[in-house]
């Protein structure tokens, strides 16, 4: 039988793994952003088109990283797994699918 502290440790482990993945993704994006543009104007146009996509990916990773950090803070505060809007428990299925969830499905719909 598992204890609450074992469960909390597993959740923390999942969240820290997600955090590392998002940090790696952001670091990779930053490393590629330092590469100079190609001298050929058609190549530059393609590269500039990619900048918008990469920027969107970076924004998404940054938002997910912030969500994971907030989930870790809730875990430390003892409020992890409770909806930040209504205070009701977040379903286990939702937390399994998205461990950094801050809201229950009902509040997320609004």
PDB file of N, CA and C in Angstrom:
ATOM      1  N   UNK A   1       0.844  -1.173   0.000  1.00  0.00           N
ATOM      2  CA  UNK A   1       0.000   0.000   0.000  1.00  0.00           C
ATOM      3  C   UNK A   1       0.896   1.247   0.000  1.00  0.00           C
ATOM      4  N   UNK A   2       0.552   2.232  -0.851  1.00  0.00           N
ATOM      5  CA  UNK A   2       1.390   3.421  -0.932  1.00  0.00           C
ATOM      6  C   UNK A   2       0.914   4.475   0.055  1.00  0.00           C
ATOM      7  N   UNK A   3       1.843   5.267   0.497  1.00  0.00           N
ATOM      8  CA  UNK A   3       1.518   6.346   1.429  1.00  0.00           C
ATOM      9  C   UNK A   3       1.376   7.650   0.657  1.00  0.00           C
ATOM     10  N   UNK A   4       0.829   8.648   1.315  1.00  0.00           N
ATOM     11  CA  UNK A   4       0.658   9.954   0.688  1.00  0.00           C
ATOM     12  C   UNK A   4       2.006  10.544   0.279  1.00  0.00           C
ATOM     13  N   UNK A   5       3.030  10.338   1.108  1.00  0.00           N
ATOM     14  CA  UNK A   5       4.345  10.891   0.778  1.00  0.00           C
ATOM     15  C   UNK A   5       4.942  10.209  -0.446  1.00  0.00           C
ATOM     16  N   UNK A   6       4.670   8.900  -0.622  1.00  0.00           N
ATOM     17  CA  UNK A   6       5.140   8.209  -1.830  1.00  0.00           C
ATOM     18  C   UNK A   6       4.415   8.742  -3.055  1.00  0.00           C
ATOM     19  N   UNK A   7       3.116   8.979  -2.909  1.00  0.00           N
ATOM     20  CA  UNK A   7       2.330   9.523  -4.004  1.00  0.00           C
ATOM     21  C   UNK A   7       2.826  10.928  -4.359  1.00  0.00           C
ATOM     22  N   UNK A   8       3.063  11.744  -3.355  1.00  0.00           N
ATOM     23  CA  UNK A   8       3.579  13.092  -3.572  1.00  0.00           C
ATOM     24  C   UNK A   8       4.945  13.038  -4.247  1.00  0.00           C
ATOM     25  N   UNK A   9       5.769  12.097  -3.842  1.00  0.00           N
ATOM     26  CA  UNK A   9       7.099  11.952  -4.459  1.00  0.00           C
ATOM     27  C   UNK A   9       6.968  11.581  -5.927  1.00  0.00           C
ATOM     28  N   UNK A  10       6.028  10.703  -6.258  1.00  0.00           N
ATOM     29  CA  UNK A  10       5.827  10.315  -7.669  1.00  0.00           C
ATOM     30  C   UNK A  10       5.318  11.495  -8.488  1.00  0.00           C
ATOM     31  N   UNK A  11       4.409  12.252  -7.915  1.00  0.00           N
ATOM     32  CA  UNK A  11       3.887  13.433  -8.613  1.00  0.00           C
ATOM     33  C   UNK A  11       5.012  14.433  -8.840  1.00  0.00           C
ATOM     34  N   UNK A  12       5.817  14.681  -7.792  1.00  0.00           N
ATOM     35  CA  UNK A  12       6.935  15.617  -7.918  1.00  0.00           C
ATOM     36  C   UNK A  12       7.907  15.151  -9.004  1.00  0.00           C
ATOM     37  N   UNK A  13       8.175  13.854  -9.028  1.00  0.00           N
ATOM     38  CA  UNK A  13       9.076  13.284 -10.032  1.00  0.00           C
ATOM     39  C   UNK A  13       8.542  13.531 -11.445  1.00  0.00           C
ATOM     40  N   UNK A  14       7.247  13.311 -11.653  1.00  0.00           N
ATOM     41  CA  UNK A  14       6.619  13.559 -12.958  1.00  0.00           C
ATOM     42  C   UNK A  14       6.740  15.026 -13.342  1.00  0.00           C
ATOM     43  N   UNK A  15       6.407  15.901 -12.397  1.00  0.00           N
ATOM     44  CA  UNK A  15       6.457  17.331 -12.672  1.00  0.00           C
ATOM     45  C   UNK A  15       7.884  17.797 -12.966  1.00  0.00           C
ATOM     46  N   UNK A  16       8.853  17.290 -12.220  1.00  0.00           N
ATOM     47  CA  UNK A  16      10.249  17.674 -12.461  1.00  0.00           C
ATOM     48  C   UNK A  16      10.735  17.176 -13.815  1.00  0.00           C
ATOM     49  N   UNK A  17      10.268  16.001 -14.229  1.00  0.00           N
ATOM     50  CA  UNK A  17      10.632  15.484 -15.555  1.00  0.00           C
ATOM     51  C   UNK A  17      10.021  16.370 -16.647  1.00  0.00           C
ATOM     52  N   UNK A  18       8.773  16.774 -16.458  1.00  0.00           N
ATOM     53  CA  UNK A  18       8.145  17.685 -17.421  1.00  0.00           C
ATOM     54  C   UNK A  18       8.901  19.009 -17.471  1.00  0.00           C
ATOM     55  N   UNK A  19       9.253  19.515 -16.298  1.00  0.00           N
ATOM     56  CA  UNK A  19       9.988  20.776 -16.217  1.00  0.00           C
ATOM     57  C   UNK A  19      11.309  20.692 -16.977  1.00  0.00           C
ATOM     58  N   UNK A  20      12.033  19.609 -16.783  1.00  0.00           N
ATOM     59  CA  UNK A  20      13.311  19.422 -17.486  1.00  0.00           C
ATOM     60  C   UNK A  20      13.098  19.369 -18.996  1.00  0.00           C
ATOM     61  N   UNK A  21      12.050  18.702 -19.424  1.00  0.00           N
ATOM     62  CA  UNK A  21      11.753  18.617 -20.853  1.00  0.00           C
ATOM     63  C   UNK A  21      11.450  19.975 -21.455  1.00  0.00           C
ATOM     64  N   UNK A  22      10.651  20.773 -20.765  1.00  0.00           N
ATOM     65  CA  UNK A  22      10.334  22.116 -21.270  1.00  0.00           C
ATOM     66  C   UNK A  22      11.560  23.015 -21.255  1.00  0.00           C
ATOM     67  N   UNK A  23      12.387  22.907 -20.231  1.00  0.00           N
ATOM     68  CA  UNK A  23      13.628  23.706 -20.186  1.00  0.00           C
ATOM     69  C   UNK A  23      14.561  23.316 -21.339  1.00  0.00           C
ATOM     70  N   UNK A  24      14.674  22.017 -21.597  1.00  0.00           N
ATOM     71  CA  UNK A  24      15.502  21.556 -22.718  1.00  0.00           C
ATOM     72  C   UNK A  24      14.974  22.097 -24.041  1.00  0.00           C
ATOM     73  N   UNK A  25      13.648  22.063 -24.200  1.00  0.00           N
ATOM     74  CA  UNK A  25      13.045  22.560 -25.440  1.00  0.00           C
ATOM     75  C   UNK A  25      13.348  24.043 -25.617  1.00  0.00           C
ATOM     76  N   UNK A  26      13.198  24.817 -24.558  1.00  0.00           N
ATOM     77  CA  UNK A  26      13.470  26.253 -24.630  1.00  0.00           C
ATOM     78  C   UNK A  26      14.944  26.502 -24.909  1.00  0.00           C
ATOM     79  N   UNK A  27      15.827  25.765 -24.266  1.00  0.00           N
ATOM     80  CA  UNK A  27      17.266  25.916 -24.504  1.00  0.00           C
ATOM     81  C   UNK A  27      17.619  25.595 -25.950  1.00  0.00           C
ATOM     82  N   UNK A  28      17.014  24.559 -26.504  1.00  0.00           N
ATOM     83  CA  UNK A  28      17.264  24.181 -27.900  1.00  0.00           C
ATOM     84  C   UNK A  28      16.797  25.290 -28.839  1.00  0.00           C
ATOM     85  N   UNK A  29      15.628  25.841 -28.567  1.00  0.00           N
ATOM     86  CA  UNK A  29      15.111  26.932 -29.395  1.00  0.00           C
ATOM     87  C   UNK A  29      16.048  28.127 -29.332  1.00  0.00           C
ATOM     88  N   UNK A  30      16.520  28.459 -28.132  1.00  0.00           N
ATOM     89  CA  UNK A  30      17.441  29.597 -27.984  1.00  0.00           C
ATOM     90  C   UNK A  30      18.757  29.341 -28.712  1.00  0.00           C
ATOM     91  N   UNK A  31      19.246  28.118 -28.668  1.00  0.00           N
ATOM     92  CA  UNK A  31      20.500  27.783 -29.353  1.00  0.00           C
ATOM     93  C   UNK A  31      20.349  27.944 -30.862  1.00  0.00           C
ATOM     94  N   UNK A  32      19.217  27.502 -31.396  1.00  0.00           N
ATOM     95  CA  UNK A  32      18.993  27.630 -32.841  1.00  0.00           C
ATOM     96  C   UNK A  32      18.765  29.082 -33.247  1.00  0.00           C
ATOM     97  N   UNK A  33      18.200  29.866 -32.342  1.00  0.00           N
ATOM     98  CA  UNK A  33      17.929  31.272 -32.653  1.00  0.00           C
ATOM     99  C   UNK A  33      19.220  32.066 -32.824  1.00  0.00           C
ATOM    100  N   UNK A  34      20.297  31.574 -32.246  1.00  0.00           N
ATOM    101  CA  UNK A  34      21.583  32.279 -32.351  1.00  0.00           C
ATOM    102  C   UNK A  34      22.256  32.066 -33.703  1.00  0.00           C
ATOM    103  N   UNK A  35      21.766  31.093 -34.477  1.00  0.00           N
ATOM    104  CA  UNK A  35      22.362  30.828 -35.784  1.00  0.00           C
ATOM    105  C   UNK A  35      22.054  31.985 -36.734  1.00  0.00           C
ATOM    106  N   UNK A  36      23.068  32.434 -37.488  1.00  0.00           N
ATOM    107  CA  UNK A  36      22.827  33.543 -38.422  1.00  0.00           C
ATOM    108  C   UNK A  36      21.950  33.093 -39.597  1.00  0.00           C
ATOM    109  N   UNK A  37      21.284  34.069 -40.208  1.00  0.00           N
ATOM    110  CA  UNK A  37      20.474  33.776 -41.391  1.00  0.00           C
ATOM    111  C   UNK A  37      21.379  33.450 -42.577  1.00  0.00           C
ATOM    112  N   UNK A  38      20.859  32.646 -43.477  1.00  0.00           N
ATOM    113  CA  UNK A  38      21.595  32.310 -44.701  1.00  0.00           C
ATOM    114  C   UNK A  38      21.738  33.565 -45.564  1.00  0.00           C
ATOM    115  N   UNK A  39      22.838  33.678 -46.318  1.00  0.00           N
ATOM    116  CA  UNK A  39      23.023  34.862 -47.169  1.00  0.00           C
ATOM    117  C   UNK A  39      22.035  34.900 -48.348  1.00  0.00           C
ATOM    118  N   UNK A  40      21.571  33.747 -48.814  1.00  0.00           N
ATOM    119  CA  UNK A  40      20.634  33.663 -49.932  1.00  0.00           C
ATOM    120  C   UNK A  40      19.272  34.196 -49.491  1.00  0.00           C
ATOM    121  N   UNK A  41      18.704  35.145 -50.248  1.00  0.00           N
ATOM    122  CA  UNK A  41      17.449  35.786 -49.837  1.00  0.00           C
ATOM    123  C   UNK A  41      16.278  34.813 -49.785  1.00  0.00           C
ATOM    124  N   UNK A  42      16.228  33.822 -50.677  1.00  0.00           N
ATOM    125  CA  UNK A  42      15.124  32.858 -50.627  1.00  0.00           C
ATOM    126  C   UNK A  42      15.242  31.979 -49.384  1.00  0.00           C
ATOM    127  N   UNK A  43      16.473  31.640 -49.014  1.00  0.00           N
ATOM    128  CA  UNK A  43      16.687  30.876 -47.779  1.00  0.00           C
ATOM    129  C   UNK A  43      16.311  31.715 -46.564  1.00  0.00           C
ATOM    130  N   UNK A  44      16.652  32.997 -46.620  1.00  0.00           N
ATOM    131  CA  UNK A  44      16.302  33.890 -45.511  1.00  0.00           C
ATOM    132  C   UNK A  44      14.787  33.967 -45.337  1.00  0.00           C
ATOM    133  N   UNK A  45      14.066  34.029 -46.444  1.00  0.00           N
ATOM    134  CA  UNK A  45      12.605  34.099 -46.378  1.00  0.00           C
ATOM    135  C   UNK A  45      12.049  32.853 -45.695  1.00  0.00           C
ATOM    136  N   UNK A  46      12.571  31.703 -46.061  1.00  0.00           N
ATOM    137  CA  UNK A  46      12.122  30.449 -45.431  1.00  0.00           C
ATOM    138  C   UNK A  46      12.482  30.441 -43.954  1.00  0.00           C
ATOM    139  N   UNK A  47      13.682  30.894 -43.638  1.00  0.00           N
ATOM    140  CA  UNK A  47      14.099  30.927 -42.236  1.00  0.00           C
ATOM    141  C   UNK A  47      13.238  31.887 -41.425  1.00  0.00           C
ATOM    142  N   UNK A  48      12.905  33.039 -41.996  1.00  0.00           N
ATOM    143  CA  UNK A  48      12.073  34.002 -41.286  1.00  0.00           C
ATOM    144  C   UNK A  48      10.662  33.449 -41.072  1.00  0.00           C
ATOM    145  N   UNK A  49      10.174  32.660 -42.028  1.00  0.00           N
ATOM    146  CA  UNK A  49       8.884  31.996 -41.855  1.00  0.00           C
ATOM    147  C   UNK A  49       8.936  31.015 -40.699  1.00  0.00           C
ATOM    148  N   UNK A  50      10.064  30.346 -40.566  1.00  0.00           N
ATOM    149  CA  UNK A  50      10.234  29.393 -39.467  1.00  0.00           C
ATOM    150  C   UNK A  50      10.313  30.093 -38.116  1.00  0.00           C
ATOM    151  N   UNK A  51      10.770  31.334 -38.108  1.00  0.00           N
ATOM    152  CA  UNK A  51      10.906  32.081 -36.849  1.00  0.00           C
ATOM    153  C   UNK A  51       9.552  32.199 -36.150  1.00  0.00           C
ATOM    154  N   UNK A  52       8.503  32.436 -36.914  1.00  0.00           N
ATOM    155  CA  UNK A  52       7.168  32.562 -36.319  1.00  0.00           C
ATOM    156  C   UNK A  52       6.738  31.246 -35.673  1.00  0.00           C
ATOM    157  N   UNK A  53       6.996  30.147 -36.357  1.00  0.00           N
ATOM    158  CA  UNK A  53       6.636  28.836 -35.823  1.00  0.00           C
ATOM    159  C   UNK A  53       7.446  28.543 -34.564  1.00  0.00           C
ATOM    160  N   UNK A  54       8.734  28.788 -34.623  1.00  0.00           N
ATOM    161  CA  UNK A  54       9.610  28.532 -33.481  1.00  0.00           C
ATOM    162  C   UNK A  54       9.233  29.427 -32.310  1.00  0.00           C
ATOM    163  N   UNK A  55       8.884  30.663 -32.606  1.00  0.00           N
ATOM    164  CA  UNK A  55       8.462  31.582 -31.551  1.00  0.00           C
ATOM    165  C   UNK A  55       7.197  31.071 -30.863  1.00  0.00           C
ATOM    166  N   UNK A  56       6.253  30.554 -31.639  1.00  0.00           N
ATOM    167  CA  UNK A  56       5.033  29.994 -31.060  1.00  0.00           C
ATOM    168  C   UNK A  56       5.354  28.774 -30.196  1.00  0.00           C
ATOM    169  N   UNK A  57       6.279  27.944 -30.659  1.00  0.00           N
ATOM    170  CA  UNK A  57       6.690  26.772 -29.881  1.00  0.00           C
ATOM    171  C   UNK A  57       7.362  27.193 -28.577  1.00  0.00           C
ATOM    172  N   UNK A  58       8.167  28.242 -28.651  1.00  0.00           N
ATOM    173  CA  UNK A  58       8.829  28.738 -27.441  1.00  0.00           C
ATOM    174  C   UNK A  58       7.796  29.291 -26.457  1.00  0.00           C
ATOM    175  N   UNK A  59       6.829  30.038 -26.966  1.00  0.00           N
ATOM    176  CA  UNK A  59       5.785  30.586 -26.096  1.00  0.00           C
ATOM    177  C   UNK A  59       4.993  29.474 -25.425  1.00  0.00           C
ATOM    178  N   UNK A  60       4.686  28.430 -26.185  1.00  0.00           N
ATOM    179  CA  UNK A  60       3.954  27.290 -25.625  1.00  0.00           C
ATOM    180  C   UNK A  60       4.773  26.592 -24.536  1.00  0.00           C
ATOM    181  N   UNK A  61       6.046  26.360 -24.820  1.00  0.00           N
ATOM    182  CA  UNK A  61       6.914  25.700 -23.832  1.00  0.00           C
ATOM    183  C   UNK A  61       7.078  26.555 -22.585  1.00  0.00           C
ATOM    184  N   UNK A  62       7.185  27.866 -22.761  1.00  0.00           N
ATOM    185  CA  UNK A  62       7.317  28.779 -21.625  1.00  0.00           C
ATOM    186  C   UNK A  62       6.056  28.761 -20.770  1.00  0.00           C
ATOM    187  N   UNK A  63       4.891  28.741 -21.409  1.00  0.00           N
ATOM    188  CA  UNK A  63       3.625  28.685 -20.670  1.00  0.00           C
ATOM    189  C   UNK A  63       3.499  27.357 -19.920  1.00  0.00           C
ATOM    190  N   UNK A  64       3.878  26.260 -20.572  1.00  0.00           N
ATOM    191  CA  UNK A  64       3.811  24.948 -19.924  1.00  0.00           C
ATOM    192  C   UNK A  64       4.792  24.874 -18.751  1.00  0.00           C
ATOM    193  N   UNK A  65       5.967  25.459 -18.922  1.00  0.00           N
ATOM    194  CA  UNK A  65       6.951  25.490 -17.838  1.00  0.00           C
ATOM    195  C   UNK A  65       6.383  26.258 -16.640  1.00  0.00           C
ATOM    196  N   UNK A  66       5.740  27.380 -16.905  1.00  0.00           N
ATOM    197  CA  UNK A  66       5.129  28.165 -15.820  1.00  0.00           C
ATOM    198  C   UNK A  66       4.030  27.360 -15.124  1.00  0.00           C
ATOM    199  N   UNK A  67       3.255  26.590 -15.902  1.00  0.00           N
ATOM    200  CA  UNK A  67       2.194  25.762 -15.322  1.00  0.00           C
ATOM    201  C   UNK A  67       2.789  24.670 -14.433  1.00  0.00           C
ATOM    202  N   UNK A  68       3.894  24.089 -14.869  1.00  0.00           N
ATOM    203  CA  UNK A  68       4.558  23.053 -14.071  1.00  0.00           C
ATOM    204  C   UNK A  68       5.123  23.659 -12.788  1.00  0.00           C
ATOM    205  N   UNK A  69       5.750  24.818 -12.897  1.00  0.00           N
ATOM    206  CA  UNK A  69       6.281  25.483 -11.698  1.00  0.00           C
ATOM    207  C   UNK A  69       5.154  25.815 -10.719  1.00  0.00           C
ATOM    208  N   UNK A  70       4.008  26.253 -11.240  1.00  0.00           N
ATOM    209  CA  UNK A  70       2.859  26.547 -10.377  1.00  0.00           C
ATOM    210  C   UNK A  70       2.340  25.266  -9.721  1.00  0.00           C
ATOM    211  N   UNK A  71       2.330  24.168 -10.474  1.00  0.00           N
ATOM    212  CA  UNK A  71       1.885  22.885  -9.912  1.00  0.00           C
ATOM    213  C   UNK A  71       2.831  22.430  -8.800  1.00  0.00           C
ATOM    214  N   UNK A  72       4.132  22.623  -9.006  1.00  0.00           N
ATOM    215  CA  UNK A  72       5.095  22.277  -7.955  1.00  0.00           C
ATOM    216  C   UNK A  72       4.866  23.138  -6.710  1.00  0.00           C
ATOM    217  N   UNK A  73       4.534  24.402  -6.906  1.00  0.00           N
ATOM    218  CA  UNK A  73       4.244  25.286  -5.770  1.00  0.00           C
ATOM    219  C   UNK A  73       2.984  24.820  -5.039  1.00  0.00           C
ATOM    220  N   UNK A  74       1.971  24.386  -5.805  1.00  0.00           N
ATOM    221  CA  UNK A  74       0.754  23.866  -5.167  1.00  0.00           C
ATOM    222  C   UNK A  74       1.053  22.570  -4.421  1.00  0.00           C
ATOM    223  N   UNK A  75       1.927  21.753  -4.992  1.00  0.00           N
ATOM    224  CA  UNK A  75       2.310  20.504  -4.337  1.00  0.00           C
ATOM    225  C   UNK A  75       2.975  20.819  -2.993  1.00  0.00           C
ATOM    226  N   UNK A  76       3.886  21.788  -2.996  1.00  0.00           N
ATOM    227  CA  UNK A  76       4.560  22.200  -1.756  1.00  0.00           C
ATOM    228  C   UNK A  76       3.583  22.787  -0.739  1.00  0.00           C
ATOM    229  N   UNK A  77       2.567  23.478  -1.245  1.00  0.00           N
ATOM    230  CA  UNK A  77       1.588  24.122  -0.354  1.00  0.00           C
ATOM    231  C   UNK A  77       0.504  23.161   0.127  1.00  0.00           C
ATOM    232  N   UNK A  78       0.480  21.967  -0.462  1.00  0.00           N
ATOM    233  CA  UNK A  78      -0.534  20.995  -0.070  1.00  0.00           C
ATOM    234  C   UNK A  78      -1.868  21.173  -0.772  1.00  0.00           C
ATOM    235  N   UNK A  79      -1.898  21.965  -1.832  1.00  0.00           N
ATOM    236  CA  UNK A  79      -3.150  22.210  -2.550  1.00  0.00           C
ATOM    237  C   UNK A  79      -3.171  21.564  -3.937  1.00  0.00           C
ATOM    238  N   UNK A  80      -2.144  20.797  -4.260  1.00  0.00           N
ATOM    239  CA  UNK A  80      -2.096  20.132  -5.569  1.00  0.00           C
ATOM    240  C   UNK A  80      -3.291  19.184  -5.682  1.00  0.00           C
ATOM    241  N   UNK A  81      -3.898  19.163  -6.864  1.00  0.00           N
ATOM    242  CA  UNK A  81      -5.034  18.277  -7.091  1.00  0.00           C
ATOM    243  C   UNK A  81      -6.368  18.909  -6.778  1.00  0.00           C
ATOM    244  N   UNK A  82      -6.347  20.138  -6.319  1.00  0.00           N
ATOM    245  CA  UNK A  82      -7.582  20.893  -6.059  1.00  0.00           C
ATOM    246  C   UNK A  82      -7.667  22.014  -7.082  1.00  0.00           C
ATOM    247  N   UNK A  83      -8.856  22.230  -7.605  1.00  0.00           N
ATOM    248  CA  UNK A  83      -9.084  23.273  -8.601  1.00  0.00           C
ATOM    249  C   UNK A  83      -8.794  24.641  -7.983  1.00  0.00           C
ATOM    250  N   UNK A  84      -8.031  25.440  -8.691  1.00  0.00           N
ATOM    251  CA  UNK A  84      -7.689  26.776  -8.199  1.00  0.00           C
ATOM    252  C   UNK A  84      -8.868  27.733  -8.303  1.00  0.00           C
ATOM    253  N   UNK A  85      -9.910  27.348  -9.049  1.00  0.00           N
ATOM    254  CA  UNK A  85     -11.089  28.206  -9.194  1.00  0.00           C
ATOM    255  C   UNK A  85     -12.162  27.881  -8.158  1.00  0.00           C
ATOM    256  N   UNK A  86     -12.552  26.599  -8.081  1.00  0.00           N
ATOM    257  CA  UNK A  86     -13.685  26.231  -7.214  1.00  0.00           C
ATOM    258  C   UNK A  86     -13.265  25.462  -5.961  1.00  0.00           C
ATOM    259  N   UNK A  87     -12.020  24.973  -5.923  1.00  0.00           N
ATOM    260  CA  UNK A  87     -11.529  24.260  -4.754  1.00  0.00           C
ATOM    261  C   UNK A  87     -11.883  22.782  -4.707  1.00  0.00           C
ATOM    262  N   UNK A  88     -12.647  22.321  -5.691  1.00  0.00           N
ATOM    263  CA  UNK A  88     -13.019  20.906  -5.745  1.00  0.00           C
ATOM    264  C   UNK A  88     -11.841  20.081  -6.264  1.00  0.00           C
ATOM    265  N   UNK A  89     -11.830  18.780  -5.967  1.00  0.00           N
ATOM    266  CA  UNK A  89     -10.744  17.929  -6.476  1.00  0.00           C
ATOM    267  C   UNK A  89     -10.745  17.861  -8.008  1.00  0.00           C
ATOM    268  N   UNK A  90      -9.557  17.830  -8.566  1.00  0.00           N
ATOM    269  CA  UNK A  90      -9.382  17.611 -10.011  1.00  0.00           C
ATOM    270  C   UNK A  90      -9.353  16.103 -10.204  1.00  0.00           C
ATOM    271  N   UNK A  91     -10.030  15.613 -11.225  1.00  0.00           N
ATOM    272  CA  UNK A  91     -10.109  14.162 -11.416  1.00  0.00           C
ATOM    273  C   UNK A  91      -8.724  13.551 -11.629  1.00  0.00           C
ATOM    274  N   UNK A  92      -8.582  12.330 -11.150  1.00  0.00           N
ATOM    275  CA  UNK A  92      -7.315  11.601 -11.304  1.00  0.00           C
ATOM    276  C   UNK A  92      -6.977  11.429 -12.775  1.00  0.00           C
ATOM    277  N   UNK A  93      -7.990  11.212 -13.614  1.00  0.00           N
ATOM    278  CA  UNK A  93      -7.746  11.039 -15.051  1.00  0.00           C
ATOM    279  C   UNK A  93      -7.167  12.319 -15.654  1.00  0.00           C
ATOM    280  N   UNK A  94      -7.701  13.466 -15.244  1.00  0.00           N
ATOM    281  CA  UNK A  94      -7.186  14.750 -15.768  1.00  0.00           C
ATOM    282  C   UNK A  94      -5.747  14.959 -15.313  1.00  0.00           C
ATOM    283  N   UNK A  95      -5.472  14.683 -14.038  1.00  0.00           N
ATOM    284  CA  UNK A  95      -4.108  14.859 -13.530  1.00  0.00           C
ATOM    285  C   UNK A  95      -3.143  13.867 -14.159  1.00  0.00           C
ATOM    286  N   UNK A  96      -3.620  12.674 -14.482  1.00  0.00           N
ATOM    287  CA  UNK A  96      -2.755  11.695 -15.146  1.00  0.00           C
ATOM    288  C   UNK A  96      -2.417  12.171 -16.549  1.00  0.00           C
ATOM    289  N   UNK A  97      -3.405  12.749 -17.237  1.00  0.00           N
ATOM    290  CA  UNK A  97      -3.183  13.228 -18.605  1.00  0.00           C
ATOM    291  C   UNK A  97      -2.380  14.523 -18.635  1.00  0.00           C
ATOM    292  N   UNK A  98      -2.620  15.379 -17.657  1.00  0.00           N
ATOM    293  CA  UNK A  98      -1.938  16.679 -17.596  1.00  0.00           C
ATOM    294  C   UNK A  98      -1.633  16.998 -16.141  1.00  0.00           C
ATOM    295  N   UNK A  99      -0.484  16.528 -15.648  1.00  0.00           N
ATOM    296  CA  UNK A  99      -0.148  16.665 -14.229  1.00  0.00           C
ATOM    297  C   UNK A  99      -0.105  18.105 -13.707  1.00  0.00           C
ATOM    298  N   UNK A 100       0.077  19.069 -14.584  1.00  0.00           N
ATOM    299  CA  UNK A 100       0.155  20.463 -14.145  1.00  0.00           C
ATOM    300  C   UNK A 100      -1.209  21.152 -14.138  1.00  0.00           C
ATOM    301  N   UNK A 101      -2.289  20.403 -14.353  1.00  0.00           N
ATOM    302  CA  UNK A 101      -3.628  20.998 -14.386  1.00  0.00           C
ATOM    303  C   UNK A 101      -3.906  21.774 -13.105  1.00  0.00           C
ATOM    304  N   UNK A 102      -4.450  22.971 -13.296  1.00  0.00           N
ATOM    305  CA  UNK A 102      -4.793  23.812 -12.154  1.00  0.00           C
ATOM    306  C   UNK A 102      -6.299  23.873 -11.943  1.00  0.00           C
ATOM    307  N   UNK A 103      -7.050  23.472 -12.952  1.00  0.00           N
ATOM    308  CA  UNK A 103      -8.502  23.581 -12.871  1.00  0.00           C
ATOM    309  C   UNK A 103      -9.165  22.246 -13.183  1.00  0.00           C
ATOM    310  N   UNK A 104     -10.323  22.038 -12.563  1.00  0.00           N
ATOM    311  CA  UNK A 104     -11.131  20.866 -12.883  1.00  0.00           C
ATOM    312  C   UNK A 104     -11.737  21.083 -14.278  1.00  0.00           C
ATOM    313  N   UNK A 105     -12.277  20.040 -14.856  1.00  0.00           N
ATOM    314  CA  UNK A 105     -12.837  20.152 -16.202  1.00  0.00           C
ATOM    315  C   UNK A 105     -14.001  21.135 -16.243  1.00  0.00           C
ATOM    316  N   UNK A 106     -14.813  21.165 -15.201  1.00  0.00           N
ATOM    317  CA  UNK A 106     -15.969  22.076 -15.181  1.00  0.00           C
ATOM    318  C   UNK A 106     -15.510  23.536 -15.241  1.00  0.00           C
ATOM    319  N   UNK A 107     -14.531  23.899 -14.438  1.00  0.00           N
ATOM    320  CA  UNK A 107     -14.035  25.281 -14.436  1.00  0.00           C
ATOM    321  C   UNK A 107     -13.243  25.587 -15.700  1.00  0.00           C
ATOM    322  N   UNK A 108     -12.563  24.613 -16.252  1.00  0.00           N
ATOM    323  CA  UNK A 108     -11.782  24.818 -17.473  1.00  0.00           C
ATOM    324  C   UNK A 108     -12.698  25.162 -18.643  1.00  0.00           C
ATOM    325  N   UNK A 109     -13.944  24.640 -18.622  1.00  0.00           N
ATOM    326  CA  UNK A 109     -14.910  24.898 -19.692  1.00  0.00           C
ATOM    327  C   UNK A 109     -15.341  26.363 -19.715  1.00  0.00           C
ATOM    328  N   UNK A 110     -15.379  27.000 -18.557  1.00  0.00           N
ATOM    329  CA  UNK A 110     -15.887  28.383 -18.469  1.00  0.00           C
ATOM    330  C   UNK A 110     -14.926  29.386 -19.023  1.00  0.00           C
TER     331      UNK A 110
END
